[in-house]
Each structure stands twice: as C-alpha cells, then as structure tokens.
Amino acid sequence: MSRQLRSARGRALSLGLGSALLLALCFLPTPDASAAGGPHTIVIDAGHGGFDRGGIPGQRVAEKTMTLDVAQRVEKQLSAAGYRVIMTRDTDVFVPLGTRVALANAQRDAIFVCIHFNSATRVGANGIETYYYRSDSAQLAADIHRQVVGGTETDNRGIRRRGFYVLRRTSIPSVLVECGFLTNPDEARLALQSSYRERLAARIVNGVMGKPSPSNRPVVAGATHVRSPIGGSYDDFVRSVPERSSISHHSGRSSKKSSRHKSSKSTKKKSSGSSKKKKRITDD
C-alpha cells in the first residue's frame, strides 16, 4: 500500500472517529442541576385557574392568566437549566389547594414555588412581597424575594411568615411570591407586558438557583421588622399585615364566607324557632 493511500485512510478514520464522538456528545443527557447541591425537583404552582379568576371583584386584569404565564416561563427556564419541573397546572383549569399540596408532598429533594399577583381595594397599593411558613423555607423566600425586588422598580413590601394553606400543609420548602398589584394601574400595565413577565420569571429562577442577590431597596416605611430567621444582613423580614381585601385564595378559607355562613345558620335557627311558635299558637 502506498504511503499516500495509507495517509488518506488515516485521515478518513480520524474524521470518522471525530464525527462519531461529536454525535455522541450531542446526545449526552442534560447535566442534573441538583449536582450543584440544590434541589433536583421544582414544583411550580400557578395561582388560581378555571372558574377561580383571582383578585377582587371588578378587577380588570385576571390574576389567573398572569400567574400561569409567569409560571410557564419559569418552567421553561428551569428545564433549560437541567431541573426537573412539575407544574400544578399548565392550562386554565381549577386545581383544589389540597391537590396542589399533595402533588408537592409526593416529591423528594424538591421545593415548592407558588406564584401570585396581589390585589387591594386601594389602587395606590403596590410592591412585591413574599411569604413562607416553615423555618426551612426562609432562605428560599429571601433568595427569591431579593431577586424579584431587585429586578423591578416597585416597592419592597418585605418577607412575611404566614400560615397560608399551601405553605402550612407542604412538607418541602415552600414559598409564595406576590409579583405586584394588578389593582395598581402602573403595575397592571407592566404585568401585561410579556417582557416584564419574562423578567419576573428570570428573577424567580435566579432565586431558586440561589444566585447572588442584587442590592435591595429598603422595606417600605411603616413595616415592623422582625429578627431574620436566617441571620446575616437580611433585613427584609417584617411582621406587618398585608394589604388585601381577602386571602381566601391562599388559605382555602374566606372570613367573609364564614361570616355569611354563621349569619345564615343564625337566621335559619330564628326562622325555625319562629315557625315552631306559630305552629303552637295555631294548634292552640
């Protein structure tokens, strides 16, 4: 065999091996995001859905639509980063709170991120606030809150510990982030912009991944600060009551409904007693 022929065959063999190696690399599995020490699975919960529009009566922008859009963007970005992502809903359907919690509790090495937008009867109410309940969720709440606040121009309303149903009943680290007030004209206008919702999603993802938080604006005046459960320089934890017209979509209970129910029971009892009296009078 001539030297030229052997050289040509050698080059062809090298080229073939190189192509095979490149092809194999293309089909390697996506690196597991949990290899960095974080959670392997992220459960994303888009608030409301179906007949549950969210917000308050007369609210122009449907909260359920905004939460689903941001949640889908978060899912896409986390999946691209190698995480296993589970959505409690990915269409406009109603999912009971108990079902959302059960789905989260079925996961191991996971966290639960509930996405909402705020509402209030006072149109001037604005800002970002984040909730947690269990102590093992405080760091996650701080990471996400600082990222979201740092990526917006609105007020920092702080991080609050509240016993909302989806936070109280989950057995994995869980947080609920309120991405602004849809009853505030300026924040509603921003929420309707796809670029802004993409930015919110990116900031939530950064928080989930534990990326360094940008410098934050101080919590709004009037908030009562509490000692940070995670130490360090976190001064975003507050005790003040959130400005809401109702929290039924978070807690699974509505004080207004409860009040009406009690009133209805009382009315029925009175009506029943009155009927009995009338009957006795008639019988006599």
Protein backbone atom coordinates (compact mmCIF):
# COMPACT_ATOMS: atom_id res chain seq x y z
CA MET A 1 0.00 0.00 0.00
CA SER A 2 1.42 3.37 -0.96
CA ARG A 3 2.26 5.97 1.65
CA GLN A 4 -0.31 8.37 0.14
CA LEU A 5 -3.09 5.75 0.37
CA ARG A 6 -2.26 4.94 3.99
CA SER A 7 -2.27 8.65 4.82
CA ALA A 8 -5.65 9.16 3.15
CA ARG A 9 -7.17 6.21 5.01
CA GLY A 10 -5.75 7.53 8.29
CA ARG A 11 -7.31 10.92 7.75
CA ALA A 12 -10.66 9.32 6.88
CA LEU A 13 -10.55 7.16 10.01
CA SER A 14 -9.72 10.16 12.20
CA LEU A 15 -12.54 12.15 10.63
CA GLY A 16 -14.98 9.29 11.20
CA LEU A 17 -14.00 8.89 14.84
CA GLY A 18 -14.25 12.65 15.38
CA SER A 19 -17.74 12.75 13.87
CA ALA A 20 -18.85 9.81 16.00
CA LEU A 21 -17.54 11.48 19.16
CA LEU A 22 -19.27 14.75 18.29
CA LEU A 23 -22.53 12.89 17.66
CA ALA A 24 -22.25 11.08 20.99
CA LEU A 25 -21.67 14.35 22.83
CA CYS A 26 -24.77 15.84 21.24
CA PHE A 27 -26.89 13.06 22.73
CA LEU A 28 -25.45 13.13 26.23
CA PRO A 29 -28.17 13.70 28.89
CA THR A 30 -28.63 17.21 30.21
CA PRO A 31 -26.49 17.76 33.33
CA ASP A 32 -28.51 17.33 36.51
CA ALA A 33 -29.00 20.71 38.18
CA SER A 34 -29.01 19.04 41.58
CA ALA A 35 -25.33 18.17 41.12
CA ALA A 36 -24.53 21.65 42.40
CA GLY A 37 -26.11 20.74 45.74
CA GLY A 38 -29.54 22.32 45.23
CA PRO A 39 -32.94 20.66 44.89
CA HIS A 40 -33.50 18.29 41.98
CA THR A 41 -37.22 18.97 41.50
CA ILE A 42 -39.06 22.28 41.43
CA VAL A 43 -42.84 22.29 41.83
CA ILE A 44 -44.28 25.45 40.26
CA ASP A 45 -47.77 26.44 41.36
CA ALA A 46 -49.62 29.00 39.22
CA GLY A 47 -52.26 30.53 41.48
CA HIS A 48 -56.00 30.27 40.74
CA GLY A 49 -57.31 28.95 37.41
CA GLY A 50 -60.58 27.91 35.78
CA PHE A 51 -63.58 29.49 37.46
CA ASP A 52 -61.27 30.99 40.11
CA ARG A 53 -60.21 34.21 38.41
CA GLY A 54 -58.27 35.53 41.39
CA GLY A 55 -58.06 39.10 42.64
CA ILE A 56 -61.08 41.11 43.76
CA PRO A 57 -64.49 41.77 42.15
CA GLY A 58 -64.27 44.20 39.25
CA GLN A 59 -60.54 43.69 38.73
CA ARG A 60 -59.75 44.23 35.05
CA VAL A 61 -56.67 42.01 34.70
CA ALA A 62 -57.32 38.35 35.56
CA GLU A 63 -54.77 37.13 38.07
CA LYS A 64 -55.10 33.51 36.92
CA THR A 65 -53.86 34.48 33.43
CA MET A 66 -50.81 36.35 34.71
CA THR A 67 -49.78 33.65 37.18
CA LEU A 68 -49.98 30.91 34.55
CA ASP A 69 -47.94 32.90 32.05
CA VAL A 70 -45.15 33.63 34.55
CA ALA A 71 -45.20 30.03 35.81
CA GLN A 72 -44.81 28.66 32.27
CA ARG A 73 -41.86 30.98 31.69
CA VAL A 74 -40.27 29.82 34.95
CA GLU A 75 -40.81 26.19 33.94
CA LYS A 76 -39.14 26.74 30.57
CA GLN A 77 -36.09 28.45 32.07
CA LEU A 78 -35.63 25.91 34.87
CA SER A 79 -35.99 22.98 32.46
CA ALA A 80 -33.33 24.52 30.22
CA ALA A 81 -31.05 24.73 33.27
CA GLY A 82 -31.42 20.99 33.89
CA TYR A 83 -34.05 20.91 36.63
CA ARG A 84 -36.96 18.51 36.80
CA VAL A 85 -40.03 20.76 36.87
CA ILE A 86 -43.58 19.83 37.86
CA MET A 87 -46.47 22.21 37.23
CA THR A 88 -49.57 22.02 39.42
CA ARG A 89 -51.42 23.35 36.37
CA ASP A 90 -50.27 24.29 32.88
CA THR A 91 -53.66 25.25 31.43
CA ASP A 92 -56.58 27.38 32.56
CA VAL A 93 -58.12 24.84 34.94
CA PHE A 94 -59.10 24.94 38.58
CA VAL A 95 -56.93 22.80 40.86
CA PRO A 96 -58.02 22.44 44.52
CA LEU A 97 -55.47 23.54 47.11
CA GLY A 98 -55.36 20.04 48.57
CA THR A 99 -54.39 18.60 45.19
CA ARG A 100 -51.60 21.15 44.79
CA VAL A 101 -50.23 20.29 48.21
CA ALA A 102 -50.47 16.53 47.61
CA LEU A 103 -48.55 16.90 44.36
CA ALA A 104 -45.80 18.83 46.14
CA ASN A 105 -45.60 16.39 49.06
CA ALA A 106 -45.18 13.44 46.68
CA GLN A 107 -41.78 14.83 45.60
CA ARG A 108 -38.41 14.24 47.20
CA ASP A 109 -35.44 16.58 47.09
CA ALA A 110 -37.80 19.32 45.94
CA ILE A 111 -39.07 22.82 46.62
CA PHE A 112 -42.47 24.41 46.02
CA VAL A 113 -42.83 27.89 44.48
CA CYS A 114 -46.32 29.40 44.38
CA ILE A 115 -46.77 32.37 42.02
CA HIS A 116 -49.42 35.03 42.63
CA PHE A 117 -50.19 38.66 41.94
CA ASN A 118 -51.63 40.93 44.61
CA SER A 119 -54.81 43.00 44.80
CA ALA A 120 -56.34 45.61 47.09
CA THR A 121 -59.29 47.98 47.16
CA ARG A 122 -56.83 50.87 47.49
CA VAL A 123 -55.50 51.42 43.96
CA GLY A 124 -52.32 53.02 45.29
CA ALA A 125 -51.19 49.78 46.96
CA ASN A 126 -48.09 48.45 45.22
CA GLY A 127 -44.96 46.38 45.66
CA ILE A 128 -43.51 42.90 45.93
CA GLU A 129 -43.98 40.67 48.97
CA THR A 130 -43.00 37.06 49.61
CA TYR A 131 -44.39 34.55 52.11
CA TYR A 132 -43.07 31.48 53.88
CA TYR A 133 -44.20 29.45 56.89
CA ARG A 134 -41.68 26.79 57.85
CA SER A 135 -38.22 27.78 59.02
CA ASP A 136 -36.60 25.65 56.31
CA SER A 137 -38.29 27.88 53.72
CA ALA A 138 -36.95 31.22 54.98
CA GLN A 139 -33.73 31.17 52.95
CA LEU A 140 -35.60 30.29 49.76
CA ALA A 141 -38.06 33.11 50.43
CA ALA A 142 -35.19 35.56 50.94
CA ASP A 143 -33.37 34.46 47.78
CA ILE A 144 -36.45 34.76 45.57
CA HIS A 145 -37.71 37.96 47.19
CA ARG A 146 -34.44 39.83 46.79
CA GLN A 147 -34.12 38.76 43.19
CA VAL A 148 -37.67 39.81 42.26
CA VAL A 149 -37.46 43.13 44.10
CA GLY A 150 -34.07 43.81 42.52
CA GLY A 151 -35.49 43.21 39.05
CA THR A 152 -38.40 45.64 39.39
CA GLU A 153 -38.86 49.32 40.18
CA THR A 154 -41.69 48.89 42.65
CA ASP A 155 -41.72 48.89 46.47
CA ASN A 156 -40.18 46.23 48.67
CA ARG A 157 -43.03 45.14 50.94
CA GLY A 158 -40.90 42.58 52.75
CA ILE A 159 -40.89 38.87 53.56
CA ARG A 160 -43.70 37.67 55.82
CA ARG A 161 -44.39 34.48 57.73
CA ARG A 162 -48.00 33.44 57.17
CA GLY A 163 -49.86 30.16 57.52
CA PHE A 164 -51.43 30.03 54.08
CA TYR A 165 -52.74 26.57 53.24
CA VAL A 166 -50.20 25.77 50.52
CA LEU A 167 -47.35 26.83 52.81
CA ARG A 168 -48.64 25.26 56.00
CA ARG A 169 -49.54 21.87 54.54
CA THR A 170 -46.50 21.23 52.33
CA SER A 171 -43.68 19.10 53.73
CA ILE A 172 -40.96 20.54 51.48
CA PRO A 173 -39.51 24.09 51.49
CA SER A 174 -42.29 26.29 50.13
CA VAL A 175 -42.74 29.96 49.32
CA LEU A 176 -45.41 32.17 47.81
CA VAL A 177 -44.34 35.25 45.87
CA GLU A 178 -46.69 38.14 45.10
CA CYS A 179 -45.42 39.73 41.88
CA GLY A 180 -47.11 43.11 42.25
CA PHE A 181 -50.62 44.56 42.49
CA LEU A 182 -52.89 44.10 39.47
CA THR A 183 -55.22 46.68 41.02
CA ASN A 184 -52.47 49.29 40.73
CA PRO A 185 -52.63 50.91 37.25
CA ASP A 186 -48.85 51.10 36.83
CA GLU A 187 -48.13 47.57 37.99
CA ALA A 188 -51.04 46.16 35.98
CA ARG A 189 -49.68 47.89 32.88
CA LEU A 190 -46.29 46.30 33.47
CA ALA A 191 -47.78 42.86 34.10
CA LEU A 192 -49.48 43.00 30.70
CA GLN A 193 -46.07 43.30 29.00
CA SER A 194 -44.54 39.95 28.03
CA SER A 195 -41.03 41.34 28.51
CA TYR A 196 -41.84 42.23 32.12
CA ARG A 197 -43.31 38.79 32.82
CA GLU A 198 -40.18 37.25 31.32
CA ARG A 199 -38.09 39.39 33.67
CA LEU A 200 -40.16 38.29 36.67
CA ALA A 201 -39.69 34.65 35.66
CA ALA A 202 -35.93 35.09 35.25
CA ARG A 203 -35.67 36.65 38.70
CA ILE A 204 -37.66 33.83 40.30
CA VAL A 205 -35.38 31.31 38.58
CA ASN A 206 -32.30 33.15 39.85
CA GLY A 207 -33.71 32.95 43.36
CA VAL A 208 -34.42 29.23 43.03
CA MET A 209 -30.84 28.70 41.85
CA GLY A 210 -29.51 30.71 44.80
CA LYS A 211 -27.70 33.24 42.66
CA PRO A 212 -26.27 36.30 44.47
CA SER A 213 -28.99 38.84 45.10
CA PRO A 214 -28.66 42.41 43.84
CA SER A 215 -28.67 45.25 46.34
CA ASN A 216 -32.20 45.81 47.55
CA ARG A 217 -34.33 48.80 48.30
CA PRO A 218 -35.32 49.03 51.96
CA VAL A 219 -38.71 47.74 53.05
CA VAL A 220 -41.48 50.34 52.84
CA ALA A 221 -41.91 52.66 55.80
CA GLY A 222 -44.32 51.54 58.49
CA ALA A 223 -43.41 47.86 58.33
CA THR A 224 -42.47 46.23 61.62
CA HIS A 225 -39.16 44.44 61.21
CA VAL A 226 -38.57 41.10 62.90
CA ARG A 227 -35.35 39.25 63.57
CA SER A 228 -34.11 37.45 60.48
CA PRO A 229 -34.59 33.67 60.86
CA ILE A 230 -31.56 33.07 58.64
CA GLY A 231 -29.17 35.59 60.18
CA GLY A 232 -26.78 37.64 58.12
CA SER A 233 -27.71 41.02 56.71
CA TYR A 234 -31.26 40.08 55.71
CA ASP A 235 -33.47 42.89 56.95
CA ASP A 236 -36.47 42.19 54.69
CA PHE A 237 -38.41 40.11 57.23
CA VAL A 238 -41.42 42.02 58.57
CA ARG A 239 -44.48 41.43 60.70
CA SER A 240 -46.94 43.95 59.26
CA VAL A 241 -50.28 42.70 57.98
CA PRO A 242 -50.51 42.63 54.16
CA GLU A 243 -52.92 44.98 52.43
CA ARG A 244 -55.50 42.62 50.97
CA SER A 245 -59.24 42.59 50.62
CA SER A 246 -59.35 38.81 51.00
CA ILE A 247 -56.91 35.94 51.48
CA SER A 248 -59.31 33.14 50.67
CA HIS A 249 -57.37 32.12 47.55
CA HIS A 250 -54.28 31.47 49.67
CA SER A 251 -55.70 29.97 52.85
CA GLY A 252 -58.57 27.98 51.41
CA ARG A 253 -60.95 29.78 53.73
CA SER A 254 -62.75 33.08 53.49
CA SER A 255 -63.67 35.02 56.60
CA LYS A 256 -66.46 36.67 54.66
CA LYS A 257 -67.91 33.30 53.65
CA SER A 258 -67.58 32.07 57.21
CA SER A 259 -69.39 35.14 58.49
CA ARG A 260 -72.17 34.74 55.96
CA HIS A 261 -72.44 31.06 56.82
CA LYS A 262 -72.81 31.81 60.53
CA SER A 263 -75.33 34.52 59.77
CA SER A 264 -77.28 32.11 57.59
CA LYS A 265 -77.29 29.49 60.36
CA SER A 266 -78.47 32.06 62.87
CA THR A 267 -81.25 33.21 60.55
CA LYS A 268 -82.36 29.62 59.99
CA LYS A 269 -82.48 28.97 63.74
CA LYS A 270 -84.52 32.10 64.33
CA SER A 271 -86.79 31.21 61.45
CA SER A 272 -87.20 27.67 62.78
CA GLY A 273 -87.98 28.95 66.28
CA SER A 274 -90.48 31.42 64.90
CA SER A 275 -92.19 28.68 62.88
CA LYS A 276 -92.49 26.47 65.95
CA LYS A 277 -94.07 29.31 67.92
CA LYS A 278 -96.54 29.97 65.12
CA LYS A 279 -97.38 26.28 64.97
CA ARG A 280 -98.04 26.12 68.71
CA ILE A 281 -100.25 29.19 68.50
CA THR A 282 -102.19 27.65 65.62
CA ASP A 283 -102.55 24.33 67.42
CA ASP A 284 -103.87 26.08 70.50
